[in-house]
Amino acid sequence: DITMKIGNQLEQVYGAELKTKYWKYKDIHAAMSATT
């Protein structure tokens, strides 16, 4: 519930590119991993 809510909010701001261009958002993915 938590991870999906935050993930959806992030995708609204950063777009689908957040998932497809991992290298461009490594810091955000690391922060989401820590958040989880």
Full PDB file with SEQRES, HELIX, SHEET, SSBOND, CRYST1, ORIGX, SCALE, CONECT and MASTER records, all heavy atoms in Angstrom:
SEQRES   1 A   36  ASP ILE THR MET LYS ILE GLY ASN GLN LEU GLU GLN VAL          
SEQRES   2 A   36  TYR GLY ALA GLU LEU LYS THR LYS TYR TRP LYS TYR LYS          
SEQRES   3 A   36  ASP ILE HIS ALA ALA MET SER ALA THR THR                      
HELIX    1 AA1 ILE A    2  TYR A   14  1                                  13    
HELIX    2 AA2 GLU A   17  THR A   20  1                                   4    
HELIX    3 AA3 TYR A   22  TYR A   25  5                                   4    
HELIX    4 AA4 LYS A   26  THR A   35  1                                  10    
CRYST1    1.000    1.000    1.000  90.00  90.00  90.00 P 1           1          
ORIGX1      1.000000  0.000000  0.000000        0.00000                         
ORIGX2      0.000000  1.000000  0.000000        0.00000                         
ORIGX3      0.000000  0.000000  1.000000        0.00000                         
SCALE1      1.000000  0.000000  0.000000        0.00000                         
SCALE2      0.000000  1.000000  0.000000        0.00000                         
SCALE3      0.000000  0.000000  1.000000        0.00000                         
ATOM      1  N   ASP A   1       0.838  -1.205   0.000  1.00  0.00           N  
ATOM      2  CA  ASP A   1       0.000   0.000   0.000  1.00  0.00           C  
ATOM      3  C   ASP A   1       0.872   1.253   0.000  1.00  0.00           C  
ATOM      4  O   ASP A   1       0.639   2.191  -0.758  1.00  0.00           O  
ATOM      5  CB  ASP A   1      -0.920   0.039   1.227  1.00  0.00           C  
ATOM      6  CG  ASP A   1      -1.969  -1.060   1.221  1.00  0.00           C  
ATOM      7  OD1 ASP A   1      -2.184  -1.667   0.154  1.00  0.00           O  
ATOM      8  OD2 ASP A   1      -2.547  -1.313   2.291  1.00  0.00           O  
ATOM      9  N   ILE A   2       1.870   1.254   0.854  1.00  0.00           N  
ATOM     10  CA  ILE A   2       2.778   2.397   0.979  1.00  0.00           C  
ATOM     11  C   ILE A   2       3.602   2.567  -0.297  1.00  0.00           C  
ATOM     12  O   ILE A   2       3.669   3.647  -0.869  1.00  0.00           O  
ATOM     13  CB  ILE A   2       3.731   2.198   2.179  1.00  0.00           C  
ATOM     14  CG1 ILE A   2       2.978   2.319   3.493  1.00  0.00           C  
ATOM     15  CG2 ILE A   2       4.909   3.148   2.131  1.00  0.00           C  
ATOM     16  CD1 ILE A   2       2.844   3.689   4.055  1.00  0.00           C  
ATOM     17  N   THR A   3       4.247   1.488  -0.734  1.00  0.00           N  
ATOM     18  CA  THR A   3       5.147   1.595  -1.879  1.00  0.00           C  
ATOM     19  C   THR A   3       4.397   1.945  -3.165  1.00  0.00           C  
ATOM     20  O   THR A   3       4.899   2.716  -3.972  1.00  0.00           O  
ATOM     21  CB  THR A   3       5.959   0.299  -2.071  1.00  0.00           C  
ATOM     22  OG1 THR A   3       5.077  -0.811  -2.188  1.00  0.00           O  
ATOM     23  CG2 THR A   3       6.894   0.075  -0.889  1.00  0.00           C  
ATOM     24  N   MET A   4       3.200   1.403  -3.326  1.00  0.00           N  
ATOM     25  CA  MET A   4       2.430   1.716  -4.529  1.00  0.00           C  
ATOM     26  C   MET A   4       1.966   3.170  -4.532  1.00  0.00           C  
ATOM     27  O   MET A   4       2.002   3.835  -5.568  1.00  0.00           O  
ATOM     28  CB  MET A   4       1.248   0.768  -4.673  1.00  0.00           C  
ATOM     29  CG  MET A   4       1.668  -0.618  -5.134  1.00  0.00           C  
ATOM     30  SD  MET A   4       0.336  -1.825  -5.244  1.00  0.00           S  
ATOM     31  CE  MET A   4      -0.846  -0.997  -6.268  1.00  0.00           C  
ATOM     32  N   LYS A   5       1.534   3.670  -3.373  1.00  0.00           N  
ATOM     33  CA  LYS A   5       1.082   5.066  -3.299  1.00  0.00           C  
ATOM     34  C   LYS A   5       2.213   6.026  -3.639  1.00  0.00           C  
ATOM     35  O   LYS A   5       2.046   6.943  -4.447  1.00  0.00           O  
ATOM     36  CB  LYS A   5       0.530   5.376  -1.910  1.00  0.00           C  
ATOM     37  CG  LYS A   5      -0.819   4.770  -1.637  1.00  0.00           C  
ATOM     38  CD  LYS A   5      -1.259   5.027  -0.208  1.00  0.00           C  
ATOM     39  CE  LYS A   5      -2.514   4.248   0.127  1.00  0.00           C  
ATOM     40  NZ  LYS A   5      -2.860   4.334   1.552  1.00  0.00           N  
ATOM     41  N   ILE A   6       3.366   5.814  -3.024  1.00  0.00           N  
ATOM     42  CA  ILE A   6       4.502   6.704  -3.296  1.00  0.00           C  
ATOM     43  C   ILE A   6       4.984   6.516  -4.729  1.00  0.00           C  
ATOM     44  O   ILE A   6       5.278   7.489  -5.423  1.00  0.00           O  
ATOM     45  CB  ILE A   6       5.629   6.474  -2.275  1.00  0.00           C  
ATOM     46  CG1 ILE A   6       5.156   6.919  -0.883  1.00  0.00           C  
ATOM     47  CG2 ILE A   6       6.888   7.250  -2.678  1.00  0.00           C  
ATOM     48  CD1 ILE A   6       6.131   6.669   0.240  1.00  0.00           C  
ATOM     49  N   GLY A   7       5.036   5.265  -5.189  1.00  0.00           N  
ATOM     50  CA  GLY A   7       5.452   4.997  -6.568  1.00  0.00           C  
ATOM     51  C   GLY A   7       4.548   5.677  -7.586  1.00  0.00           C  
ATOM     52  O   GLY A   7       5.021   6.254  -8.571  1.00  0.00           O  
ATOM     53  N   ASN A   8       3.246   5.637  -7.351  1.00  0.00           N  
ATOM     54  CA  ASN A   8       2.296   6.295  -8.262  1.00  0.00           C  
ATOM     55  C   ASN A   8       2.481   7.811  -8.251  1.00  0.00           C  
ATOM     56  O   ASN A   8       2.393   8.460  -9.301  1.00  0.00           O  
ATOM     57  CB  ASN A   8       0.859   5.933  -7.890  1.00  0.00           C  
ATOM     58  CG  ASN A   8       0.514   4.508  -8.230  1.00  0.00           C  
ATOM     59  OD1 ASN A   8       1.158   3.881  -9.064  1.00  0.00           O  
ATOM     60  ND2 ASN A   8      -0.494   3.963  -7.568  1.00  0.00           N  
ATOM     61  N   GLN A   9       2.723   8.374  -7.068  1.00  0.00           N  
ATOM     62  CA  GLN A   9       2.950   9.818  -6.970  1.00  0.00           C  
ATOM     63  C   GLN A   9       4.223  10.210  -7.733  1.00  0.00           C  
ATOM     64  O   GLN A   9       4.241  11.216  -8.446  1.00  0.00           O  
ATOM     65  CB  GLN A   9       3.075  10.246  -5.506  1.00  0.00           C  
ATOM     66  CG  GLN A   9       1.795  10.121  -4.722  1.00  0.00           C  
ATOM     67  CD  GLN A   9       2.015  10.355  -3.233  1.00  0.00           C  
ATOM     68  OE1 GLN A   9       2.948  11.038  -2.813  1.00  0.00           O  
ATOM     69  NE2 GLN A   9       1.148   9.773  -2.417  1.00  0.00           N  
ATOM     70  N   LEU A  10       5.271   9.397  -7.590  1.00  0.00           N  
ATOM     71  CA  LEU A  10       6.528   9.670  -8.302  1.00  0.00           C  
ATOM     72  C   LEU A  10       6.326   9.587  -9.810  1.00  0.00           C  
ATOM     73  O   LEU A  10       6.829  10.422 -10.557  1.00  0.00           O  
ATOM     74  CB  LEU A  10       7.606   8.677  -7.870  1.00  0.00           C  
ATOM     75  CG  LEU A  10       8.218   8.894  -6.504  1.00  0.00           C  
ATOM     76  CD1 LEU A  10       9.035   7.677  -6.087  1.00  0.00           C  
ATOM     77  CD2 LEU A  10       9.084  10.143  -6.500  1.00  0.00           C  
ATOM     78  N   GLU A  11       5.569   8.595 -10.251  1.00  0.00           N  
ATOM     79  CA  GLU A  11       5.336   8.430 -11.686  1.00  0.00           C  
ATOM     80  C   GLU A  11       4.525   9.590 -12.264  1.00  0.00           C  
ATOM     81  O   GLU A  11       4.728   9.975 -13.415  1.00  0.00           O  
ATOM     82  CB  GLU A  11       4.651   7.098 -11.963  1.00  0.00           C  
ATOM     83  CG  GLU A  11       4.724   6.723 -13.425  1.00  0.00           C  
ATOM     84  CD  GLU A  11       4.268   5.303 -13.693  1.00  0.00           C  
ATOM     85  OE1 GLU A  11       4.281   4.474 -12.784  1.00  0.00           O  
ATOM     86  OE2 GLU A  11       3.885   5.053 -14.848  1.00  0.00           O  
ATOM     87  N   GLN A  12       3.627  10.153 -11.471  1.00  0.00           N  
ATOM     88  CA  GLN A  12       2.863  11.312 -11.947  1.00  0.00           C  
ATOM     89  C   GLN A  12       3.781  12.499 -12.221  1.00  0.00           C  
ATOM     90  O   GLN A  12       3.542  13.276 -13.139  1.00  0.00           O  
ATOM     91  CB  GLN A  12       1.802  11.706 -10.928  1.00  0.00           C  
ATOM     92  CG  GLN A  12       0.631  10.763 -10.879  1.00  0.00           C  
ATOM     93  CD  GLN A  12      -0.371  11.139  -9.797  1.00  0.00           C  
ATOM     94  OE1 GLN A  12      -0.129  12.034  -8.990  1.00  0.00           O  
ATOM     95  NE2 GLN A  12      -1.494  10.449  -9.774  1.00  0.00           N  
ATOM     96  N   VAL A  13       4.824  12.631 -11.430  1.00  0.00           N  
ATOM     97  CA  VAL A  13       5.744  13.764 -11.594  1.00  0.00           C  
ATOM     98  C   VAL A  13       6.829  13.463 -12.625  1.00  0.00           C  
ATOM     99  O   VAL A  13       7.114  14.292 -13.485  1.00  0.00           O  
ATOM    100  CB  VAL A  13       6.386  14.143 -10.238  1.00  0.00           C  
ATOM    101  CG1 VAL A  13       7.471  15.182 -10.412  1.00  0.00           C  
ATOM    102  CG2 VAL A  13       5.316  14.647  -9.277  1.00  0.00           C  
ATOM    103  N   TYR A  14       7.436  12.270 -12.541  1.00  0.00           N  
ATOM    104  CA  TYR A  14       8.579  11.947 -13.401  1.00  0.00           C  
ATOM    105  C   TYR A  14       8.206  11.154 -14.641  1.00  0.00           C  
ATOM    106  O   TYR A  14       9.040  10.950 -15.522  1.00  0.00           O  
ATOM    107  CB  TYR A  14       9.649  11.208 -12.595  1.00  0.00           C  
ATOM    108  CG  TYR A  14      10.246  12.078 -11.525  1.00  0.00           C  
ATOM    109  CD1 TYR A  14       9.812  12.015 -10.208  1.00  0.00           C  
ATOM    110  CD2 TYR A  14      11.231  13.011 -11.832  1.00  0.00           C  
ATOM    111  CE1 TYR A  14      10.343  12.836  -9.230  1.00  0.00           C  
ATOM    112  CE2 TYR A  14      11.765  13.841 -10.871  1.00  0.00           C  
ATOM    113  CZ  TYR A  14      11.323  13.748  -9.565  1.00  0.00           C  
ATOM    114  OH  TYR A  14      11.845  14.576  -8.604  1.00  0.00           O  
ATOM    115  N   GLY A  15       6.964  10.691 -14.728  1.00  0.00           N  
ATOM    116  CA  GLY A  15       6.493   9.985 -15.911  1.00  0.00           C  
ATOM    117  C   GLY A  15       6.951   8.536 -15.972  1.00  0.00           C  
ATOM    118  O   GLY A  15       7.659   8.038 -15.102  1.00  0.00           O  
ATOM    119  N   ALA A  16       6.555   7.871 -17.031  1.00  0.00           N  
ATOM    120  CA  ALA A  16       6.886   6.459 -17.239  1.00  0.00           C  
ATOM    121  C   ALA A  16       8.387   6.267 -17.404  1.00  0.00           C  
ATOM    122  O   ALA A  16       8.910   5.175 -17.190  1.00  0.00           O  
ATOM    123  CB  ALA A  16       6.149   5.919 -18.455  1.00  0.00           C  
ATOM    124  N   GLU A  17       9.073   7.322 -17.750  1.00  0.00           N  
ATOM    125  CA  GLU A  17      10.529   7.278 -17.921  1.00  0.00           C  
ATOM    126  C   GLU A  17      11.223   6.836 -16.631  1.00  0.00           C  
ATOM    127  O   GLU A  17      12.316   6.279 -16.663  1.00  0.00           O  
ATOM    128  CB  GLU A  17      11.024   8.669 -18.340  1.00  0.00           C  
ATOM    129  CG  GLU A  17      12.444   8.705 -18.794  1.00  0.00           C  
ATOM    130  CD  GLU A  17      12.827  10.079 -19.296  1.00  0.00           C  
ATOM    131  OE1 GLU A  17      13.180  10.933 -18.458  1.00  0.00           O  
ATOM    132  OE2 GLU A  17      12.788  10.291 -20.522  1.00  0.00           O  
ATOM    133  N   LEU A  18      10.584   7.068 -15.512  1.00  0.00           N  
ATOM    134  CA  LEU A  18      11.120   6.656 -14.211  1.00  0.00           C  
ATOM    135  C   LEU A  18      11.400   5.152 -14.192  1.00  0.00           C  
ATOM    136  O   LEU A  18      12.377   4.704 -13.604  1.00  0.00           O  
ATOM    137  CB  LEU A  18      10.135   7.028 -13.105  1.00  0.00           C  
ATOM    138  CG  LEU A  18      10.561   6.783 -11.661  1.00  0.00           C  
ATOM    139  CD1 LEU A  18      11.744   7.668 -11.293  1.00  0.00           C  
ATOM    140  CD2 LEU A  18       9.405   7.065 -10.724  1.00  0.00           C  
ATOM    141  N   LYS A  19      10.557   4.376 -14.859  1.00  0.00           N  
ATOM    142  CA  LYS A  19      10.726   2.923 -14.904  1.00  0.00           C  
ATOM    143  C   LYS A  19      11.603   2.468 -16.070  1.00  0.00           C  
ATOM    144  O   LYS A  19      12.319   1.486 -15.955  1.00  0.00           O  
ATOM    145  CB  LYS A  19       9.367   2.235 -15.020  1.00  0.00           C  
ATOM    146  CG  LYS A  19       8.506   2.388 -13.792  1.00  0.00           C  
ATOM    147  CD  LYS A  19       7.169   1.720 -13.986  1.00  0.00           C  
ATOM    148  CE  LYS A  19       6.286   1.920 -12.773  1.00  0.00           C  
ATOM    149  NZ  LYS A  19       4.945   1.369 -12.988  1.00  0.00           N  
ATOM    150  N   THR A  20      11.545   3.159 -17.180  1.00  0.00           N  
ATOM    151  CA  THR A  20      12.240   2.695 -18.375  1.00  0.00           C  
ATOM    152  C   THR A  20      13.684   3.175 -18.481  1.00  0.00           C  
ATOM    153  O   THR A  20      14.497   2.527 -19.114  1.00  0.00           O  
ATOM    154  CB  THR A  20      11.488   3.126 -19.645  1.00  0.00           C  
ATOM    155  OG1 THR A  20      11.382   4.550 -19.675  1.00  0.00           O  
ATOM    156  CG2 THR A  20      10.102   2.499 -19.703  1.00  0.00           C  
ATOM    157  N   LYS A  21      13.991   4.302 -17.861  1.00  0.00           N  
ATOM    158  CA  LYS A  21      15.361   4.838 -17.913  1.00  0.00           C  
ATOM    159  C   LYS A  21      15.947   4.886 -16.500  1.00  0.00           C  
ATOM    160  O   LYS A  21      16.222   5.947 -15.951  1.00  0.00           O  
ATOM    161  CB  LYS A  21      15.374   6.213 -18.568  1.00  0.00           C  
ATOM    162  CG  LYS A  21      14.968   6.177 -20.019  1.00  0.00           C  
ATOM    163  CD  LYS A  21      15.150   7.504 -20.691  1.00  0.00           C  
ATOM    164  CE  LYS A  21      14.793   7.383 -22.162  1.00  0.00           C  
ATOM    165  NZ  LYS A  21      14.873   8.669 -22.848  1.00  0.00           N  
ATOM    166  N   TYR A  22      16.154   3.675 -15.968  1.00  0.00           N  
ATOM    167  CA  TYR A  22      16.618   3.521 -14.591  1.00  0.00           C  
ATOM    168  C   TYR A  22      17.869   4.349 -14.306  1.00  0.00           C  
ATOM    169  O   TYR A  22      17.984   4.989 -13.265  1.00  0.00           O  
ATOM    170  CB  TYR A  22      16.888   2.041 -14.309  1.00  0.00           C  
ATOM    171  CG  TYR A  22      17.362   1.789 -12.912  1.00  0.00           C  
ATOM    172  CD1 TYR A  22      16.456   1.650 -11.861  1.00  0.00           C  
ATOM    173  CD2 TYR A  22      18.719   1.721 -12.621  1.00  0.00           C  
ATOM    174  CE1 TYR A  22      16.884   1.440 -10.573  1.00  0.00           C  
ATOM    175  CE2 TYR A  22      19.163   1.512 -11.329  1.00  0.00           C  
ATOM    176  CZ  TYR A  22      18.250   1.373 -10.312  1.00  0.00           C  
ATOM    177  OH  TYR A  22      18.680   1.173  -9.033  1.00  0.00           O  
ATOM    178  N   TRP A  23      18.841   4.325 -15.212  1.00  0.00           N  
ATOM    179  CA  TRP A  23      20.120   5.013 -15.009  1.00  0.00           C  
ATOM    180  C   TRP A  23      19.955   6.509 -14.792  1.00  0.00           C  
ATOM    181  O   TRP A  23      20.768   7.135 -14.126  1.00  0.00           O  
ATOM    182  CB  TRP A  23      21.040   4.749 -16.196  1.00  0.00           C  
ATOM    183  CG  TRP A  23      20.488   5.276 -17.490  1.00  0.00           C  
ATOM    184  CD1 TRP A  23      20.712   6.498 -18.037  1.00  0.00           C  
ATOM    185  CD2 TRP A  23      19.590   4.602 -18.377  1.00  0.00           C  
ATOM    186  NE1 TRP A  23      20.006   6.633 -19.216  1.00  0.00           N  
ATOM    187  CE2 TRP A  23      19.311   5.481 -19.449  1.00  0.00           C  
ATOM    188  CE3 TRP A  23      18.991   3.345 -18.382  1.00  0.00           C  
ATOM    189  CZ2 TRP A  23      18.466   5.141 -20.503  1.00  0.00           C  
ATOM    190  CZ3 TRP A  23      18.156   3.010 -19.440  1.00  0.00           C  
ATOM    191  CH2 TRP A  23      17.908   3.896 -20.479  1.00  0.00           C  
ATOM    192  N   LYS A  24      18.906   7.069 -15.301  1.00  0.00           N  
ATOM    193  CA  LYS A  24      18.660   8.507 -15.182  1.00  0.00           C  
ATOM    194  C   LYS A  24      18.105   8.871 -13.796  1.00  0.00           C  
ATOM    195  O   LYS A  24      18.212  10.018 -13.366  1.00  0.00           O  
ATOM    196  CB  LYS A  24      17.669   8.921 -16.277  1.00  0.00           C  
ATOM    197  CG  LYS A  24      17.556  10.391 -16.505  1.00  0.00           C  
ATOM    198  CD  LYS A  24      16.678  10.665 -17.715  1.00  0.00           C  
ATOM    199  CE  LYS A  24      16.453  12.136 -17.908  1.00  0.00           C  
ATOM    200  NZ  LYS A  24      15.572  12.427 -19.031  1.00  0.00           N  
ATOM    201  N   TYR A  25      17.528   7.880 -13.113  1.00  0.00           N  
ATOM    202  CA  TYR A  25      16.866   8.118 -11.826  1.00  0.00           C  
ATOM    203  C   TYR A  25      17.395   7.185 -10.730  1.00  0.00           C  
ATOM    204  O   TYR A  25      16.665   6.792  -9.840  1.00  0.00           O  
ATOM    205  CB  TYR A  25      15.352   7.917 -11.985  1.00  0.00           C  
ATOM    206  CG  TYR A  25      14.732   8.863 -12.988  1.00  0.00           C  
ATOM    207  CD1 TYR A  25      14.473   8.445 -14.287  1.00  0.00           C  
ATOM    208  CD2 TYR A  25      14.426  10.165 -12.625  1.00  0.00           C  
ATOM    209  CE1 TYR A  25      13.910   9.315 -15.213  1.00  0.00           C  
ATOM    210  CE2 TYR A  25      13.858  11.041 -13.539  1.00  0.00           C  
ATOM    211  CZ  TYR A  25      13.607  10.609 -14.830  1.00  0.00           C  
ATOM    212  OH  TYR A  25      13.049  11.478 -15.734  1.00  0.00           O  
ATOM    213  N   LYS A  26      18.675   6.835 -10.792  1.00  0.00           N  
ATOM    214  CA  LYS A  26      19.248   5.912  -9.806  1.00  0.00           C  
ATOM    215  C   LYS A  26      19.055   6.399  -8.376  1.00  0.00           C  
ATOM    216  O   LYS A  26      18.779   5.612  -7.492  1.00  0.00           O  
ATOM    217  CB  LYS A  26      20.748   5.734 -10.062  1.00  0.00           C  
ATOM    218  CG  LYS A  26      21.080   4.795 -11.166  1.00  0.00           C  
ATOM    219  CD  LYS A  26      22.568   4.502 -11.120  1.00  0.00           C  
ATOM    220  CE  LYS A  26      23.161   4.629 -12.484  1.00  0.00           C  
ATOM    221  NZ  LYS A  26      24.605   4.410 -12.482  1.00  0.00           N  
ATOM    222  N   ASP A  27      19.210   7.699  -8.172  1.00  0.00           N  
ATOM    223  CA  ASP A  27      19.061   8.247  -6.821  1.00  0.00           C  
ATOM    224  C   ASP A  27      17.635   8.090  -6.295  1.00  0.00           C  
ATOM    225  O   ASP A  27      17.424   7.763  -5.127  1.00  0.00           O  
ATOM    226  CB  ASP A  27      19.500   9.713  -6.770  1.00  0.00           C  
ATOM    227  CG  ASP A  27      18.775  10.590  -7.784  1.00  0.00           C  
ATOM    228  OD1 ASP A  27      18.152  10.077  -8.739  1.00  0.00           O  
ATOM    229  OD2 ASP A  27      18.839  11.824  -7.641  1.00  0.00           O  
ATOM    230  N   ILE A  28      16.656   8.273  -7.156  1.00  0.00           N  
ATOM    231  CA  ILE A  28      15.255   8.120  -6.742  1.00  0.00           C  
ATOM    232  C   ILE A  28      14.952   6.653  -6.456  1.00  0.00           C  
ATOM    233  O   ILE A  28      14.279   6.327  -5.477  1.00  0.00           O  
ATOM    234  CB  ILE A  28      14.291   8.700  -7.800  1.00  0.00           C  
ATOM    235  CG1 ILE A  28      14.481  10.223  -7.880  1.00  0.00           C  
ATOM    236  CG2 ILE A  28      12.842   8.350  -7.467  1.00  0.00           C  
ATOM    237  CD1 ILE A  28      13.673  10.900  -8.948  1.00  0.00           C  
ATOM    238  N   HIS A  29      15.477   5.744  -7.277  1.00  0.00           N  
ATOM    239  CA  HIS A  29      15.270   4.320  -7.038  1.00  0.00           C  
ATOM    240  C   HIS A  29      15.932   3.885  -5.733  1.00  0.00           C  
ATOM    241  O   HIS A  29      15.353   3.081  -4.991  1.00  0.00           O  
ATOM    242  CB  HIS A  29      15.781   3.489  -8.218  1.00  0.00           C  
ATOM    243  CG  HIS A  29      14.899   3.560  -9.409  1.00  0.00           C  
ATOM    244  ND1 HIS A  29      13.769   2.787  -9.547  1.00  0.00           N  
ATOM    245  CD2 HIS A  29      14.954   4.340 -10.516  1.00  0.00           C  
ATOM    246  CE1 HIS A  29      13.182   3.075 -10.692  1.00  0.00           C  
ATOM    247  NE2 HIS A  29      13.879   4.018 -11.301  1.00  0.00           N  
ATOM    248  N   ALA A  30      17.102   4.406  -5.439  1.00  0.00           N  
ATOM    249  CA  ALA A  30      17.775   4.091  -4.177  1.00  0.00           C  
ATOM    250  C   ALA A  30      16.962   4.617  -2.995  1.00  0.00           C  
ATOM    251  O   ALA A  30      16.814   3.940  -1.973  1.00  0.00           O  
ATOM    252  CB  ALA A  30      19.182   4.680  -4.167  1.00  0.00           C  
ATOM    253  N   ALA A  31      16.399   5.811  -3.136  1.00  0.00           N  
ATOM    254  CA  ALA A  31      15.567   6.389  -2.074  1.00  0.00           C  
ATOM    255  C   ALA A  31      14.289   5.567  -1.887  1.00  0.00           C  
ATOM    256  O   ALA A  31      13.850   5.344  -0.753  1.00  0.00           O  
ATOM    257  CB  ALA A  31      15.221   7.839  -2.392  1.00  0.00           C  
ATOM    258  N   MET A  32      13.699   5.097  -2.971  1.00  0.00           N  
ATOM    259  CA  MET A  32      12.500   4.256  -2.861  1.00  0.00           C  
ATOM    260  C   MET A  32      12.832   2.921  -2.198  1.00  0.00           C  
ATOM    261  O   MET A  32      12.051   2.395  -1.410  1.00  0.00           O  
ATOM    262  CB  MET A  32      11.883   3.994  -4.234  1.00  0.00           C  
ATOM    263  CG  MET A  32      10.732   4.900  -4.601  1.00  0.00           C  
ATOM    264  SD  MET A  32       9.449   5.054  -3.342  1.00  0.00           S  
ATOM    265  CE  MET A  32       8.549   3.540  -3.544  1.00  0.00           C  
ATOM    266  N   SER A  33      13.991   2.389  -2.489  1.00  0.00           N  
ATOM    267  CA  SER A  33      14.424   1.143  -1.857  1.00  0.00           C  
ATOM    268  C   SER A  33      14.587   1.348  -0.349  1.00  0.00           C  
ATOM    269  O   SER A  33      14.132   0.524   0.451  1.00  0.00           O  
ATOM    270  CB  SER A  33      15.750   0.695  -2.482  1.00  0.00           C  
ATOM    271  OG  SER A  33      16.167  -0.506  -1.921  1.00  0.00           O  
ATOM    272  N   ALA A  34      15.202   2.450   0.037  1.00  0.00           N  
ATOM    273  CA  ALA A  34      15.351   2.770   1.462  1.00  0.00           C  
ATOM    274  C   ALA A  34      13.989   2.996   2.108  1.00  0.00           C  
ATOM    275  O   ALA A  34      13.737   2.546   3.232  1.00  0.00           O  
ATOM    276  CB  ALA A  34      16.233   4.003   1.628  1.00  0.00           C  
ATOM    277  N   THR A  35      13.102   3.665   1.408  1.00  0.00           N  
ATOM    278  CA  THR A  35      11.749   3.921   1.907  1.00  0.00           C  
ATOM    279  C   THR A  35      11.015   2.597   2.156  1.00  0.00           C  
ATOM    280  O   THR A  35      10.343   2.425   3.165  1.00  0.00           O  
ATOM    281  CB  THR A  35      10.969   4.790   0.901  1.00  0.00           C  
ATOM    282  OG1 THR A  35      11.645   6.031   0.750  1.00  0.00           O  
ATOM    283  CG2 THR A  35       9.554   5.052   1.361  1.00  0.00           C  
ATOM    284  N   THR A  36      11.164   1.653   1.241  1.00  0.00           N  
ATOM    285  CA  THR A  36      10.528   0.350   1.387  1.00  0.00           C  
ATOM    286  C   THR A  36      11.073  -0.393   2.604  1.00  0.00           C  
ATOM    287  O   THR A  36      10.313  -0.995   3.364  1.00  0.00           O  
ATOM    288  CB  THR A  36      10.724  -0.492   0.108  1.00  0.00           C  
ATOM    289  OG1 THR A  36      10.151   0.218  -0.989  1.00  0.00           O  
ATOM    290  CG2 THR A  36      10.066  -1.855   0.211  1.00  0.00           C  
TER     291      THR A  36                                                      
MASTER        0    0    0    4    0    0    0    6  290    1    0    3          
END                                                                             
